[in-house]
C-alpha atoms as a PDB file:
ATOM      1  CA  MET A   1     -11.257  32.503  16.577  1.00  0.00           C
ATOM      2  CA  PHE A   2     -11.288  31.700  12.509  1.00  0.00           C
ATOM      3  CA  ASP A   3      -7.819  31.804  12.506  1.00  0.00           C
ATOM      4  CA  TYR A   4      -7.720  28.773  14.874  1.00  0.00           C
ATOM      5  CA  VAL A   5     -10.278  26.680  12.765  1.00  0.00           C
ATOM      6  CA  ASP A   6      -8.108  27.785   9.791  1.00  0.00           C
ATOM      7  CA  SER A   7      -4.876  26.470  11.102  1.00  0.00           C
ATOM      8  CA  THR A   8      -6.969  23.158  12.338  1.00  0.00           C
ATOM      9  CA  ALA A   9      -8.274  22.308   8.950  1.00  0.00           C
ATOM     10  CA  TYR A  10      -4.801  23.169   7.212  1.00  0.00           C
ATOM     11  CA  ALA A  11      -3.015  20.888   9.464  1.00  0.00           C
ATOM     12  CA  ASN A  12      -5.552  17.749   9.269  1.00  0.00           C
ATOM     13  CA  ASP A  13      -5.587  18.323   5.486  1.00  0.00           C
ATOM     14  CA  GLN A  14      -1.890  18.148   5.712  1.00  0.00           C
ATOM     15  CA  GLY A  15      -1.974  14.967   7.451  1.00  0.00           C
ATOM     16  CA  ALA A  16      -4.174  13.553   4.914  1.00  0.00           C
ATOM     17  CA  ARG A  17      -1.843  14.156   2.151  1.00  0.00           C
ATOM     18  CA  ALA A  18       1.025  12.980   4.005  1.00  0.00           C
ATOM     19  CA  GLN A  19      -0.980   9.488   4.678  1.00  0.00           C
ATOM     20  CA  LYS A  20      -1.530   9.568   1.082  1.00  0.00           C
ATOM     21  CA  LEU A  21       1.930   9.999   0.204  1.00  0.00           C
ATOM     22  CA  PHE A  22       2.844   7.106   2.393  1.00  0.00           C
ATOM     23  CA  ALA A  23       0.271   4.754   0.935  1.00  0.00           C
ATOM     24  CA  ALA A  24       1.869   5.397  -2.853  1.00  0.00           C
ATOM     25  CA  VAL A  25       5.330   4.331  -0.892  1.00  0.00           C
ATOM     26  CA  VAL A  26       3.255   0.942   0.077  1.00  0.00           C
ATOM     27  CA  LEU A  27       2.060   0.603  -3.625  1.00  0.00           C
ATOM     28  CA  ALA A  28       5.317   1.479  -5.128  1.00  0.00           C
ATOM     29  CA  ALA A  29       7.119  -1.476  -2.712  1.00  0.00           C
ATOM     30  CA  LEU A  30       4.361  -3.816  -3.848  1.00  0.00           C
ATOM     31  CA  ASP A  31       4.895  -3.235  -7.208  1.00  0.00           C
ATOM     32  CA  ASP A  32       8.898  -3.592  -6.783  1.00  0.00           C
ATOM     33  CA  ALA A  33       7.968  -6.847  -5.031  1.00  0.00           C
ATOM     34  CA  ILE A  34       5.940  -8.066  -8.045  1.00  0.00           C
ATOM     35  CA  ALA A  35       8.966  -7.020 -10.627  1.00  0.00           C
ATOM     36  CA  ASP A  36      11.169  -9.016  -8.198  1.00  0.00           C
ATOM     37  CA  ASP A  37       8.614 -11.826  -8.671  1.00  0.00           C
ATOM     38  CA  LYS A  38       8.563 -11.860 -12.190  1.00  0.00           C
ATOM     39  CA  LYS A  39      12.319 -11.724 -12.322  1.00  0.00           C
ATOM     40  CA  TYR A  40      13.777 -13.465  -9.465  1.00  0.00           C
ATOM     41  CA  GLY A  41      10.828 -15.479  -8.113  1.00  0.00           C
ATOM     42  CA  ASN A  42      11.156 -14.143  -4.524  1.00  0.00           C
ATOM     43  CA  GLY A  43       8.647 -11.424  -4.674  1.00  0.00           C
ATOM     44  CA  PRO A  44       6.331 -12.649  -1.667  1.00  0.00           C
ATOM     45  CA  GLU A  45       9.658 -13.150   0.589  1.00  0.00           C
ATOM     46  CA  VAL A  46      10.853  -9.741  -0.304  1.00  0.00           C
ATOM     47  CA  ILE A  47       7.363  -8.160   0.562  1.00  0.00           C
ATOM     48  CA  ALA A  48       7.288  -9.969   3.721  1.00  0.00           C
ATOM     49  CA  ARG A  49      10.854  -9.293   4.739  1.00  0.00           C
ATOM     50  CA  TRP A  50      10.135  -5.447   3.957  1.00  0.00           C
ATOM     51  CA  ALA A  51       6.545  -5.464   6.081  1.00  0.00           C
ATOM     52  CA  ARG A  52       8.291  -6.933   8.864  1.00  0.00           C
ATOM     53  CA  SER A  53      11.283  -4.768   9.159  1.00  0.00           C
ATOM     54  CA  ARG A  54      11.440  -1.368  11.234  1.00  0.00           C
ATOM     55  CA  ASP A  55      11.114   0.861   8.073  1.00  0.00           C
ATOM     56  CA  GLY A  56       8.290  -1.147   6.520  1.00  0.00           C
ATOM     57  CA  ARG A  57       6.531  -1.039   9.742  1.00  0.00           C
ATOM     58  CA  GLU A  58       6.811   2.521  10.139  1.00  0.00           C
ATOM     59  CA  VAL A  59       5.721   3.264   6.577  1.00  0.00           C
ATOM     60  CA  LEU A  60       2.581   0.689   6.726  1.00  0.00           C
ATOM     61  CA  MET A  61       1.472   2.663   9.996  1.00  0.00           C
ATOM     62  CA  CYS A  62       2.218   6.131   8.516  1.00  0.00           C
ATOM     63  CA  ALA A  63      -0.072   5.054   5.676  1.00  0.00           C
ATOM     64  CA  GLY A  64      -2.828   4.186   8.143  1.00  0.00           C
ATOM     65  CA  ILE A  65      -2.236   0.315   7.870  1.00  0.00           C
ATOM     66  CA  ASP A  66      -1.884  -2.018  10.969  1.00  0.00           C
ATOM     67  CA  PRO A  67       1.390  -3.820  10.413  1.00  0.00           C
ATOM     68  CA  ASN A  68       0.123  -6.931  11.724  1.00  0.00           C
ATOM     69  CA  GLU A  69       1.076 -10.532  10.434  1.00  0.00           C
ATOM     70  CA  ARG A  70      -2.214 -10.684   8.706  1.00  0.00           C
ATOM     71  CA  CYS A  71      -1.543  -7.630   6.636  1.00  0.00           C
ATOM     72  CA  VAL A  72       1.774  -9.411   5.935  1.00  0.00           C
ATOM     73  CA  LYS A  73       0.210 -12.466   4.504  1.00  0.00           C
ATOM     74  CA  GLY A  74      -2.214 -10.568   2.337  1.00  0.00           C
ATOM     75  CA  MET A  75       0.482  -8.428   0.682  1.00  0.00           C
ATOM     76  CA  MET A  76       2.153 -11.611   0.173  1.00  0.00           C
ATOM     77  CA  GLU A  77      -0.816 -12.967  -1.581  1.00  0.00           C
ATOM     78  CA  PHE A  78      -1.494  -9.861  -3.565  1.00  0.00           C
ATOM     79  CA  VAL A  79       2.531 -10.103  -5.037  1.00  0.00           C
ATOM     80  CA  ARG A  80       1.752 -14.046  -5.905  1.00  0.00           C
ATOM     81  CA  LYS A  81      -1.106 -12.809  -7.833  1.00  0.00           C
ATOM     82  CA  GLY A  82       0.974 -10.823 -10.058  1.00  0.00           C
ATOM     83  CA  ILE A  83      -1.367  -8.029 -11.092  1.00  0.00           C
ATOM     84  CA  ARG A  84       0.571  -4.607 -10.737  1.00  0.00           C
ATOM     85  CA  THR A  85      -1.207  -2.360  -8.422  1.00  0.00           C
ATOM     86  CA  SER A  86      -2.277   0.201 -11.282  1.00  0.00           C
ATOM     87  CA  VAL A  87      -4.101  -2.266 -12.856  1.00  0.00           C
ATOM     88  CA  ALA A  88      -5.797  -3.849  -9.907  1.00  0.00           C
ATOM     89  CA  LEU A  89      -7.068  -0.403  -8.611  1.00  0.00           C
ATOM     90  CA  SER A  90      -8.362   0.459 -12.310  1.00  0.00           C
ATOM     91  CA  ARG A  91     -12.125   0.296 -12.818  1.00  0.00           C
ATOM     92  CA  GLU A  92     -11.790  -2.174 -15.789  1.00  0.00           C
ATOM     93  CA  GLU A  93     -10.031  -4.720 -13.396  1.00  0.00           C
ATOM     94  CA  SER A  94     -12.832  -4.114 -10.834  1.00  0.00           C
ATOM     95  CA  GLU A  95     -15.464  -4.439 -13.355  1.00  0.00           C
ATOM     96  CA  ARG A  96     -14.071  -7.605 -14.786  1.00  0.00           C
ATOM     97  CA  ARG A  97     -13.964  -9.089 -11.446  1.00  0.00           C
ATOM     98  CA  ALA A  98     -17.263  -8.239 -10.659  1.00  0.00           C
ATOM     99  CA  GLU A  99     -18.477 -10.032 -13.919  1.00  0.00           C
ATOM    100  CA  ALA A 100     -16.467 -13.065 -13.211  1.00  0.00           C
ATOM    101  CA  ALA A 101     -17.933 -13.607  -9.552  1.00  0.00           C
END
């Protein structure tokens, strides 16, 4: 019986790790679009094209994100702000935004 519980727990943990991996791919795509926006000025269009593509939708679903139009618009707005994901997710940035609000 314990073998079944161990294998189920391992499979669940492995699924969570895979979801985190795909979430990292989404963050990398956002960073690439931000870099394109700074260099070429077309970042929001790049991330929208990627998110609406078959591969983009698949990656978003594997990351646990519903690939609907609201998600695409949110990603485009994030790219327009131009803040890299590593900075946006940092504690200092969240504290600075909380103080500003």
